[in-house]
N, C-alpha and C. Protein backbone atom coordinates (compact mmCIF):
# COMPACT_ATOMS: atom_id res chain seq x y z
N MET A 1 105.51 94.37 125.66
CA MET A 1 106.37 95.02 126.64
C MET A 1 107.10 94.01 127.51
N LYS A 2 106.38 92.95 127.87
CA LYS A 2 106.97 91.90 128.71
C LYS A 2 108.11 91.21 127.98
N ASN A 3 107.94 90.95 126.68
CA ASN A 3 109.00 90.32 125.88
C ASN A 3 110.23 91.21 125.79
N PHE A 4 110.00 92.50 125.64
CA PHE A 4 111.11 93.46 125.59
C PHE A 4 111.91 93.43 126.88
N LEU A 5 111.20 93.38 128.00
CA LEU A 5 111.86 93.34 129.31
C LEU A 5 112.68 92.07 129.47
N ILE A 6 112.17 90.94 129.03
CA ILE A 6 112.90 89.67 129.11
C ILE A 6 114.17 89.74 128.26
N ILE A 7 114.04 90.25 127.04
CA ILE A 7 115.21 90.39 126.16
C ILE A 7 116.24 91.32 126.78
N TYR A 8 115.79 92.41 127.36
CA TYR A 8 116.68 93.37 128.01
C TYR A 8 117.44 92.71 129.16
N VAL A 9 116.75 91.95 129.99
CA VAL A 9 117.37 91.28 131.14
C VAL A 9 118.39 90.25 130.66
N VAL A 10 118.04 89.50 129.61
CA VAL A 10 118.96 88.49 129.07
C VAL A 10 120.22 89.16 128.52
N LEU A 11 120.06 90.24 127.77
CA LEU A 11 121.21 90.96 127.22
C LEU A 11 122.08 91.56 128.32
N LEU A 12 121.44 92.13 129.32
CA LEU A 12 122.17 92.70 130.45
C LEU A 12 122.95 91.63 131.19
N PHE A 13 122.35 90.48 131.41
CA PHE A 13 123.01 89.36 132.08
C PHE A 13 124.20 88.88 131.25
N ASN A 14 123.99 88.75 129.94
CA ASN A 14 125.07 88.31 129.04
C ASN A 14 126.24 89.28 129.07
N TYR A 15 125.96 90.56 129.01
CA TYR A 15 127.00 91.59 129.07
C TYR A 15 127.74 91.52 130.41
N SER A 16 126.99 91.35 131.48
CA SER A 16 127.58 91.27 132.81
C SER A 16 128.52 90.07 132.93
N CYS A 17 128.12 88.94 132.37
CA CYS A 17 128.97 87.73 132.41
C CYS A 17 130.26 87.95 131.63
N LYS A 18 130.16 88.59 130.45
CA LYS A 18 131.35 88.85 129.64
C LYS A 18 132.28 89.82 130.36
N ALA A 19 131.74 90.83 130.98
CA ALA A 19 132.56 91.80 131.72
C ALA A 19 133.25 91.12 132.89
N GLN A 20 132.54 90.24 133.58
CA GLN A 20 133.12 89.51 134.71
C GLN A 20 134.24 88.58 134.24
N ALA A 21 134.03 87.89 133.11
CA ALA A 21 135.05 86.99 132.56
C ALA A 21 136.29 87.78 132.17
N SER A 22 136.09 88.95 131.58
CA SER A 22 137.21 89.81 131.20
C SER A 22 137.99 90.27 132.44
N GLN A 23 137.28 90.66 133.48
CA GLN A 23 137.92 91.10 134.72
C GLN A 23 138.67 89.94 135.39
N ASN A 24 138.08 88.75 135.35
CA ASN A 24 138.74 87.58 135.91
C ASN A 24 140.04 87.26 135.17
N LEU A 25 140.00 87.38 133.84
CA LEU A 25 141.20 87.13 133.04
C LEU A 25 142.30 88.12 133.40
N LYS A 26 141.94 89.40 133.53
CA LYS A 26 142.93 90.41 133.91
C LYS A 26 143.53 90.11 135.27
N SER A 27 142.70 89.71 136.23
CA SER A 27 143.20 89.36 137.56
C SER A 27 144.13 88.15 137.49
N ASP A 28 143.77 87.16 136.68
CA ASP A 28 144.63 85.97 136.52
C ASP A 28 145.97 86.33 135.90
N ILE A 29 145.97 87.24 134.94
CA ILE A 29 147.22 87.68 134.31
C ILE A 29 148.10 88.38 135.33
N ILE A 30 147.52 89.26 136.12
CA ILE A 30 148.28 89.98 137.14
C ILE A 30 148.90 88.99 138.14
N SER A 31 148.14 87.98 138.55
CA SER A 31 148.65 86.98 139.49
C SER A 31 149.75 86.12 138.85
N PHE A 32 149.55 85.74 137.60
CA PHE A 32 150.51 84.87 136.91
C PHE A 32 151.88 85.54 136.77
N TYR A 33 151.88 86.84 136.50
CA TYR A 33 153.13 87.56 136.28
C TYR A 33 153.62 88.31 137.52
N LYS A 34 153.14 87.92 138.67
CA LYS A 34 153.58 88.56 139.91
C LYS A 34 154.97 88.03 140.28
N ILE A 35 155.82 88.94 140.71
CA ILE A 35 157.15 88.53 141.19
C ILE A 35 156.94 87.87 142.55
N ASN A 36 157.34 86.62 142.67
CA ASN A 36 157.11 85.84 143.88
C ASN A 36 157.99 86.28 145.03
N ASP A 37 157.43 86.20 146.22
CA ASP A 37 158.21 86.49 147.43
C ASP A 37 159.39 85.54 147.54
N LYS A 38 159.22 84.32 147.05
CA LYS A 38 160.30 83.33 147.08
C LYS A 38 161.52 83.83 146.29
N ASP A 39 161.26 84.45 145.14
CA ASP A 39 162.36 84.99 144.33
C ASP A 39 163.05 86.15 145.05
N ILE A 40 162.27 87.02 145.68
CA ILE A 40 162.83 88.15 146.43
C ILE A 40 163.63 87.62 147.62
N GLN A 41 163.10 86.60 148.30
CA GLN A 41 163.81 86.01 149.44
C GLN A 41 165.14 85.41 149.00
N SER A 42 165.16 84.83 147.81
CA SER A 42 166.41 84.28 147.27
C SER A 42 167.44 85.39 147.07
N CYS A 43 166.99 86.54 146.58
CA CYS A 43 167.89 87.68 146.42
C CYS A 43 168.38 88.17 147.79
N LYS A 44 167.48 88.21 148.76
CA LYS A 44 167.86 88.66 150.11
C LYS A 44 168.86 87.70 150.74
N LYS A 45 168.68 86.42 150.48
CA LYS A 45 169.61 85.42 151.02
C LYS A 45 171.01 85.64 150.44
N GLU A 46 171.04 85.93 149.15
CA GLU A 46 172.32 86.22 148.48
C GLU A 46 172.98 87.44 149.13
N ILE A 47 172.19 88.44 149.46
CA ILE A 47 172.69 89.66 150.09
C ILE A 47 173.20 89.37 151.50
N ASP A 48 172.47 88.55 152.24
CA ASP A 48 172.89 88.19 153.60
C ASP A 48 174.26 87.51 153.58
N GLU A 49 174.48 86.68 152.58
CA GLU A 49 175.78 86.01 152.45
C GLU A 49 176.90 87.03 152.20
N LEU A 50 176.60 88.04 151.39
CA LEU A 50 177.60 89.09 151.12
C LEU A 50 177.89 89.91 152.38
N ARG A 51 176.86 90.16 153.17
CA ARG A 51 177.06 90.91 154.41
C ARG A 51 177.92 90.13 155.40
N LYS A 52 177.76 88.82 155.43
CA LYS A 52 178.58 87.99 156.32
C LYS A 52 180.06 88.09 155.95
N VAL A 53 180.33 88.23 154.66
CA VAL A 53 181.71 88.35 154.19
C VAL A 53 182.20 89.80 154.32
N LYS A 54 181.28 90.70 154.70
CA LYS A 54 181.58 92.11 154.98
C LYS A 54 181.99 92.91 153.73
N TYR A 55 181.21 92.72 152.67
CA TYR A 55 181.40 93.56 151.49
C TYR A 55 180.89 94.97 151.78
N GLU A 56 181.33 95.92 150.99
CA GLU A 56 180.87 97.29 151.11
C GLU A 56 179.36 97.35 150.84
N GLU A 57 178.66 98.25 151.54
CA GLU A 57 177.21 98.33 151.43
C GLU A 57 176.77 98.75 150.02
N TRP A 58 177.52 99.64 149.35
CA TRP A 58 177.16 100.06 148.00
C TRP A 58 177.21 98.86 147.05
N PHE A 59 178.16 97.96 147.26
CA PHE A 59 178.27 96.77 146.42
C PHE A 59 177.10 95.82 146.68
N ILE A 60 176.76 95.66 147.94
CA ILE A 60 175.65 94.78 148.32
C ILE A 60 174.35 95.29 147.71
N GLU A 61 174.11 96.59 147.80
CA GLU A 61 172.89 97.17 147.21
C GLU A 61 172.86 96.99 145.70
N SER A 62 174.02 97.13 145.09
CA SER A 62 174.11 96.95 143.63
C SER A 62 173.78 95.51 143.24
N VAL A 63 174.29 94.56 144.00
CA VAL A 63 173.99 93.15 143.72
C VAL A 63 172.51 92.87 143.91
N PHE A 64 171.90 93.42 144.96
CA PHE A 64 170.47 93.22 145.20
C PHE A 64 169.64 93.81 144.06
N GLU A 65 169.99 95.01 143.63
CA GLU A 65 169.27 95.64 142.51
C GLU A 65 169.39 94.79 141.25
N GLY A 66 170.59 94.26 141.01
CA GLY A 66 170.78 93.40 139.84
C GLY A 66 169.98 92.12 139.94
N CYS A 67 169.93 91.56 141.14
CA CYS A 67 169.18 90.31 141.36
C CYS A 67 167.69 90.53 141.11
N THR A 68 167.14 91.59 141.66
CA THR A 68 165.70 91.84 141.48
C THR A 68 165.40 92.34 140.06
N ALA A 69 166.35 93.02 139.42
CA ALA A 69 166.14 93.49 138.05
C ALA A 69 165.98 92.33 137.07
N ARG A 70 166.62 91.20 137.39
CA ARG A 70 166.47 90.02 136.52
C ARG A 70 165.02 89.55 136.47
N LEU A 71 164.23 89.91 137.49
CA LEU A 71 162.83 89.50 137.56
C LEU A 71 161.88 90.49 136.89
N GLU A 72 162.40 91.64 136.48
CA GLU A 72 161.57 92.70 135.91
C GLU A 72 160.84 92.28 134.64
N TYR A 73 161.37 91.27 133.93
CA TYR A 73 160.70 90.86 132.70
C TYR A 73 159.25 90.44 132.96
N LEU A 74 158.97 89.96 134.18
CA LEU A 74 157.59 89.58 134.52
C LEU A 74 156.66 90.80 134.49
N ASN A 75 157.16 91.93 134.93
CA ASN A 75 156.36 93.17 134.86
C ASN A 75 156.11 93.57 133.41
N PHE A 76 157.11 93.40 132.55
CA PHE A 76 156.95 93.74 131.14
C PHE A 76 155.91 92.81 130.50
N PHE A 77 156.01 91.51 130.81
CA PHE A 77 155.03 90.55 130.29
C PHE A 77 153.62 90.96 130.71
N ARG A 78 153.44 91.25 132.00
CA ARG A 78 152.12 91.60 132.53
C ARG A 78 151.58 92.87 131.85
N ASN A 79 152.38 93.92 131.85
CA ASN A 79 151.91 95.20 131.32
C ASN A 79 151.59 95.12 129.83
N ASN A 80 152.45 94.47 129.05
CA ASN A 80 152.20 94.40 127.61
C ASN A 80 151.07 93.44 127.28
N THR A 81 150.88 92.39 128.07
CA THR A 81 149.75 91.49 127.86
C THR A 81 148.45 92.25 128.11
N LEU A 82 148.39 93.00 129.19
CA LEU A 82 147.17 93.77 129.49
C LEU A 82 146.93 94.84 128.42
N LYS A 83 148.01 95.45 127.92
CA LYS A 83 147.87 96.46 126.87
C LYS A 83 147.32 95.83 125.59
N ILE A 84 147.83 94.68 125.22
CA ILE A 84 147.37 94.00 124.01
C ILE A 84 145.94 93.50 124.17
N LEU A 85 145.59 93.07 125.38
CA LEU A 85 144.25 92.56 125.66
C LEU A 85 143.18 93.60 125.33
N GLU A 86 143.53 94.87 125.45
CA GLU A 86 142.58 95.94 125.15
C GLU A 86 142.18 95.97 123.67
N ARG A 87 143.01 95.37 122.81
CA ARG A 87 142.76 95.37 121.37
C ARG A 87 141.80 94.27 120.93
N ILE A 88 141.42 93.39 121.86
CA ILE A 88 140.71 92.17 121.51
C ILE A 88 139.24 92.25 121.93
N SER A 89 138.37 91.79 121.06
CA SER A 89 136.95 91.67 121.38
C SER A 89 136.78 90.65 122.50
N SER A 90 135.78 90.86 123.33
CA SER A 90 135.56 89.96 124.47
C SER A 90 135.06 88.57 124.05
N GLU A 91 134.73 88.39 122.77
CA GLU A 91 134.23 87.09 122.33
C GLU A 91 135.21 86.32 121.46
N LYS A 92 136.18 86.98 120.88
CA LYS A 92 137.06 86.35 119.90
C LYS A 92 138.13 85.49 120.57
N ASN A 93 138.50 84.42 119.87
CA ASN A 93 139.63 83.61 120.29
C ASN A 93 140.91 84.40 120.04
N PHE A 94 141.88 84.22 120.90
CA PHE A 94 143.17 84.88 120.72
C PHE A 94 144.26 84.06 121.37
N LEU A 95 145.49 84.40 121.02
CA LEU A 95 146.68 83.80 121.61
C LEU A 95 147.70 84.92 121.81
N ILE A 96 148.14 85.08 123.04
CA ILE A 96 149.18 86.07 123.36
C ILE A 96 150.39 85.29 123.87
N ILE A 97 151.53 85.58 123.30
CA ILE A 97 152.78 84.90 123.65
C ILE A 97 153.74 85.92 124.23
N ASN A 98 154.40 85.57 125.33
CA ASN A 98 155.45 86.39 125.92
C ASN A 98 156.72 85.57 126.01
N PHE A 99 157.84 86.18 125.64
CA PHE A 99 159.12 85.48 125.78
C PHE A 99 160.26 86.49 125.88
N ILE A 100 161.37 86.02 126.43
CA ILE A 100 162.58 86.83 126.51
C ILE A 100 163.27 86.74 125.16
N SER A 101 163.51 87.90 124.54
CA SER A 101 164.11 87.92 123.21
C SER A 101 165.61 88.16 123.25
N SER A 102 166.10 88.71 124.36
CA SER A 102 167.53 88.92 124.54
C SER A 102 167.80 89.04 126.02
N ASN A 103 168.83 88.35 126.47
CA ASN A 103 169.19 88.44 127.89
C ASN A 103 170.55 89.10 128.08
N ILE A 104 170.94 89.93 127.14
CA ILE A 104 172.22 90.63 127.23
C ILE A 104 172.15 91.72 128.30
N THR A 105 171.04 92.45 128.33
CA THR A 105 170.88 93.51 129.32
C THR A 105 170.05 93.00 130.50
N ILE A 106 170.18 93.67 131.62
CA ILE A 106 169.33 93.39 132.78
C ILE A 106 168.59 94.68 133.06
N PRO A 107 167.27 94.69 133.00
CA PRO A 107 166.39 93.56 132.76
C PRO A 107 166.43 93.09 131.31
N SER A 108 166.00 91.86 131.08
CA SER A 108 166.03 91.25 129.75
C SER A 108 165.03 91.94 128.82
N ASP A 109 165.38 91.92 127.52
CA ASP A 109 164.45 92.40 126.50
C ASP A 109 163.36 91.35 126.31
N THR A 110 162.14 91.81 126.09
CA THR A 110 161.02 90.88 125.94
C THR A 110 160.19 91.22 124.70
N LYS A 111 159.42 90.22 124.27
CA LYS A 111 158.45 90.43 123.20
C LYS A 111 157.12 89.85 123.64
N THR A 112 156.06 90.56 123.27
CA THR A 112 154.69 90.12 123.51
C THR A 112 153.99 90.16 122.15
N ILE A 113 153.43 89.02 121.75
CA ILE A 113 152.81 88.92 120.42
C ILE A 113 151.37 88.45 120.56
N LEU A 114 150.49 89.14 119.86
CA LEU A 114 149.09 88.75 119.77
C LEU A 114 148.86 88.06 118.43
N TYR A 115 148.18 86.92 118.48
CA TYR A 115 147.74 86.22 117.28
C TYR A 115 146.23 86.06 117.40
N ALA A 116 145.50 86.72 116.50
CA ALA A 116 144.03 86.65 116.50
C ALA A 116 143.52 86.89 115.09
N ASN A 117 142.52 86.14 114.71
CA ASN A 117 141.91 86.28 113.38
C ASN A 117 142.94 86.17 112.26
N GLY A 118 143.97 85.36 112.44
CA GLY A 118 145.00 85.18 111.41
C GLY A 118 145.98 86.32 111.31
N ASN A 119 145.91 87.29 112.23
CA ASN A 119 146.79 88.46 112.21
C ASN A 119 147.72 88.44 113.41
N TYR A 120 148.86 89.09 113.24
CA TYR A 120 149.86 89.19 114.30
C TYR A 120 150.10 90.65 114.66
N PHE A 121 150.33 90.90 115.94
CA PHE A 121 150.68 92.23 116.42
C PHE A 121 151.69 92.04 117.54
N GLY A 122 152.79 92.79 117.51
CA GLY A 122 153.82 92.61 118.53
C GLY A 122 154.25 93.90 119.19
N ILE A 123 154.59 93.79 120.49
CA ILE A 123 155.20 94.88 121.25
C ILE A 123 156.49 94.34 121.84
N LYS A 124 157.56 95.07 121.67
CA LYS A 124 158.82 94.66 122.30
C LYS A 124 159.21 95.68 123.35
N HIS A 125 159.78 95.17 124.42
CA HIS A 125 160.31 96.00 125.49
C HIS A 125 161.82 95.79 125.50
N TYR A 126 162.56 96.88 125.45
CA TYR A 126 164.01 96.75 125.41
C TYR A 126 164.66 97.97 126.05
N THR A 127 165.95 97.84 126.28
CA THR A 127 166.72 98.94 126.84
C THR A 127 167.59 99.53 125.74
N ASP A 128 167.49 100.82 125.58
CA ASP A 128 168.30 101.54 124.60
C ASP A 128 169.26 102.44 125.38
N PHE A 129 170.46 102.58 124.88
CA PHE A 129 171.44 103.42 125.55
C PHE A 129 171.69 104.67 124.72
N VAL A 130 171.39 105.82 125.33
CA VAL A 130 171.61 107.11 124.68
C VAL A 130 172.55 107.91 125.58
N ASN A 131 173.71 108.26 125.04
CA ASN A 131 174.73 108.98 125.81
C ASN A 131 175.02 108.28 127.15
N ASN A 132 175.20 106.96 127.07
CA ASN A 132 175.50 106.12 128.24
C ASN A 132 174.41 106.13 129.30
N ILE A 133 173.19 106.48 128.92
CA ILE A 133 172.05 106.44 129.83
C ILE A 133 171.09 105.38 129.32
N ALA A 134 170.73 104.44 130.19
CA ALA A 134 169.80 103.37 129.81
C ALA A 134 168.37 103.90 129.82
N ILE A 135 167.69 103.71 128.70
CA ILE A 135 166.30 104.13 128.56
C ILE A 135 165.48 102.92 128.15
N GLU A 136 164.47 102.59 128.98
CA GLU A 136 163.60 101.47 128.64
C GLU A 136 162.53 101.95 127.67
N LYS A 137 162.28 101.11 126.64
CA LYS A 137 161.32 101.49 125.61
C LYS A 137 160.37 100.34 125.32
N ASN A 138 159.16 100.70 124.94
CA ASN A 138 158.15 99.78 124.41
C ASN A 138 157.83 100.26 123.02
N GLU A 139 157.85 99.36 122.05
CA GLU A 139 157.43 99.78 120.71
C GLU A 139 156.90 98.58 119.93
N GLU A 140 156.06 98.89 118.96
CA GLU A 140 155.51 97.86 118.10
C GLU A 140 156.61 97.34 117.19
N PHE A 141 156.49 96.08 116.77
CA PHE A 141 157.45 95.51 115.83
C PHE A 141 156.73 94.54 114.91
N GLU A 142 157.35 94.25 113.78
CA GLU A 142 156.79 93.29 112.84
C GLU A 142 157.22 91.89 113.26
N VAL A 143 156.26 91.02 113.39
CA VAL A 143 156.51 89.65 113.85
C VAL A 143 157.22 88.88 112.74
N SER A 144 158.32 88.22 113.10
CA SER A 144 159.14 87.50 112.11
C SER A 144 158.51 86.16 111.73
N GLU A 145 158.97 85.60 110.63
CA GLU A 145 158.49 84.29 110.20
C GLU A 145 158.83 83.21 111.25
N PHE A 146 160.00 83.33 111.86
CA PHE A 146 160.40 82.40 112.92
C PHE A 146 159.41 82.44 114.08
N GLU A 147 159.03 83.64 114.49
CA GLU A 147 158.08 83.80 115.59
C GLU A 147 156.69 83.28 115.19
N LYS A 148 156.27 83.56 113.96
CA LYS A 148 154.98 83.07 113.47
C LYS A 148 154.95 81.54 113.47
N TYR A 149 156.03 80.93 113.03
CA TYR A 149 156.13 79.47 113.00
C TYR A 149 155.95 78.90 114.41
N ASN A 150 156.66 79.47 115.38
CA ASN A 150 156.55 79.00 116.76
C ASN A 150 155.15 79.22 117.32
N ILE A 151 154.54 80.34 117.01
CA ILE A 151 153.19 80.62 117.49
C ILE A 151 152.20 79.62 116.90
N GLU A 152 152.35 79.29 115.64
CA GLU A 152 151.48 78.28 115.03
C GLU A 152 151.63 76.94 115.73
N LYS A 153 152.85 76.58 116.10
CA LYS A 153 153.09 75.31 116.80
C LYS A 153 152.50 75.36 118.21
N ILE A 154 152.58 76.50 118.87
CA ILE A 154 151.97 76.66 120.19
C ILE A 154 150.45 76.56 120.07
N ASP A 155 149.88 77.22 119.08
CA ASP A 155 148.43 77.18 118.85
C ASP A 155 147.98 75.74 118.62
N GLU A 156 148.74 75.02 117.82
CA GLU A 156 148.45 73.60 117.56
C GLU A 156 148.49 72.79 118.87
N TYR A 157 149.50 73.05 119.68
CA TYR A 157 149.63 72.34 120.96
C TYR A 157 148.43 72.63 121.86
N LEU A 158 148.02 73.89 121.93
CA LEU A 158 146.89 74.26 122.79
C LEU A 158 145.59 73.61 122.32
N LYS A 159 145.44 73.45 121.02
CA LYS A 159 144.20 72.87 120.48
C LYS A 159 144.17 71.35 120.57
N THR A 160 145.35 70.71 120.43
CA THR A 160 145.38 69.24 120.39
C THR A 160 145.94 68.62 121.66
N GLY A 161 146.72 69.39 122.42
CA GLY A 161 147.37 68.84 123.61
C GLY A 161 148.63 68.05 123.29
N LYS A 162 149.02 68.04 122.01
CA LYS A 162 150.22 67.30 121.59
C LYS A 162 151.09 68.17 120.69
N SER A 163 152.39 67.99 120.83
CA SER A 163 153.33 68.69 119.95
C SER A 163 154.70 68.07 120.10
N GLU A 164 155.40 67.99 119.01
CA GLU A 164 156.80 67.57 119.10
C GLU A 164 157.71 68.78 119.33
N TYR A 165 157.14 69.97 119.33
CA TYR A 165 157.93 71.19 119.47
C TYR A 165 157.81 71.84 120.84
N PHE A 166 156.63 71.71 121.49
CA PHE A 166 156.39 72.39 122.76
C PHE A 166 155.82 71.41 123.78
N SER A 167 156.11 71.71 125.05
CA SER A 167 155.60 70.91 126.15
C SER A 167 155.37 71.83 127.35
N ASP A 168 154.54 71.37 128.28
CA ASP A 168 154.38 72.15 129.51
C ASP A 168 155.39 71.70 130.56
N LYS A 169 156.31 70.83 130.17
CA LYS A 169 157.40 70.39 131.05
C LYS A 169 158.73 70.77 130.42
N SER A 170 159.61 71.35 131.22
CA SER A 170 160.92 71.76 130.73
C SER A 170 161.81 70.55 130.53
N ASP A 171 162.63 70.59 129.48
CA ASP A 171 163.60 69.53 129.27
C ASP A 171 164.97 69.91 129.82
N GLY A 172 165.00 71.00 130.60
CA GLY A 172 166.23 71.42 131.25
C GLY A 172 167.06 72.41 130.46
N GLN A 173 166.70 72.65 129.20
CA GLN A 173 167.45 73.61 128.40
C GLN A 173 167.14 75.02 128.88
N ILE A 174 168.13 75.89 128.82
CA ILE A 174 167.93 77.29 129.17
C ILE A 174 168.35 78.16 128.01
N GLY A 175 167.95 79.40 128.05
CA GLY A 175 168.32 80.34 127.00
C GLY A 175 167.11 81.02 126.42
N ILE A 176 167.38 81.94 125.50
CA ILE A 176 166.26 82.66 124.89
C ILE A 176 165.51 81.72 123.95
N TYR A 177 164.26 82.01 123.75
CA TYR A 177 163.34 81.24 122.91
C TYR A 177 163.09 79.83 123.45
N LYS A 178 163.39 79.57 124.71
CA LYS A 178 163.13 78.25 125.29
C LYS A 178 161.84 78.24 126.11
N GLN A 179 161.53 79.34 126.77
CA GLN A 179 160.32 79.42 127.60
C GLN A 179 159.37 80.44 126.98
N TRP A 180 158.11 80.02 126.79
CA TRP A 180 157.10 80.87 126.18
C TRP A 180 155.90 80.90 127.10
N ASP A 181 155.53 82.08 127.56
CA ASP A 181 154.34 82.22 128.40
C ASP A 181 153.15 82.51 127.50
N VAL A 182 152.06 81.79 127.76
CA VAL A 182 150.89 81.83 126.89
C VAL A 182 149.67 82.31 127.65
N VAL A 183 148.95 83.25 127.05
CA VAL A 183 147.63 83.67 127.52
C VAL A 183 146.72 83.51 126.31
N ALA A 184 145.66 82.72 126.45
CA ALA A 184 144.81 82.45 125.29
C ALA A 184 143.34 82.34 125.70
N ARG A 185 142.50 82.57 124.71
CA ARG A 185 141.07 82.26 124.85
C ARG A 185 140.73 81.39 123.65
N ASN A 186 140.21 80.20 123.95
CA ASN A 186 139.83 79.27 122.89
C ASN A 186 138.41 78.79 123.19
N ASN A 187 137.47 79.19 122.34
CA ASN A 187 136.05 78.84 122.51
C ASN A 187 135.54 79.21 123.90
N GLY A 188 135.90 80.41 124.35
CA GLY A 188 135.42 80.93 125.63
C GLY A 188 136.23 80.51 126.83
N LYS A 189 137.14 79.56 126.67
CA LYS A 189 137.96 79.07 127.78
C LYS A 189 139.30 79.81 127.80
N HIS A 190 139.68 80.32 128.98
CA HIS A 190 140.96 81.03 129.12
C HIS A 190 142.05 80.06 129.54
N ILE A 191 143.23 80.25 128.96
CA ILE A 191 144.40 79.43 129.27
C ILE A 191 145.55 80.37 129.59
N ILE A 192 146.22 80.13 130.71
CA ILE A 192 147.44 80.87 131.06
C ILE A 192 148.45 79.83 131.53
N LYS A 193 149.58 79.71 130.82
CA LYS A 193 150.56 78.70 131.20
C LYS A 193 151.93 78.98 130.60
N GLU A 194 152.92 78.31 131.15
CA GLU A 194 154.28 78.34 130.59
C GLU A 194 154.45 77.12 129.70
N LEU A 195 155.02 77.36 128.53
CA LEU A 195 155.38 76.26 127.64
C LEU A 195 156.87 76.32 127.37
N TYR A 196 157.43 75.18 127.05
CA TYR A 196 158.87 75.08 126.80
C TYR A 196 159.09 74.49 125.43
N LYS A 197 160.03 75.10 124.71
CA LYS A 197 160.38 74.59 123.39
C LYS A 197 161.28 73.38 123.59
N ILE A 198 160.90 72.26 122.99
CA ILE A 198 161.68 71.04 123.16
C ILE A 198 162.32 70.59 121.87
N LYS A 199 162.04 71.26 120.75
CA LYS A 199 162.66 70.90 119.48
C LYS A 199 162.89 72.13 118.64
């Protein structure tokens, strides 16, 4: 009976630690993808400049909405990362990649891709226009060979710390497929960071 109690306590402790680690990861993801007050203040500063020039209030509000809408992709990254995280065992290694796939619309279209156990799963967030009405959608998509190639290079970088394709420092280039946000678990260690494509 005493041995059973010890095994029960050890299992309960192990489960508790895994649950705590999972909760910590979720909290870290929410913090990482939070829209910063600094970004909002930058939008407000832009609005203050327009008010000084005495633009119409409807125009000023429209500019502010556009400015803050450019930051909405962070909410899509956060929500889709948390949604994908539900598909993963608490012990398995995984790699989740978030990136802007198109910046034609505001907010930008995004993709979130899970790579685990040699398999890929993707969710894309985009704006569809039906009868001139913008409708935001989330749907699964098949991960392309181009995306798989980049994910393999990111995985390699995370495991070795070296890559000729990715870096944790920007080389100043802008555009789609240049910045990749990474959430990963490798041998029990969680990683959340921005990577930049340099080649």
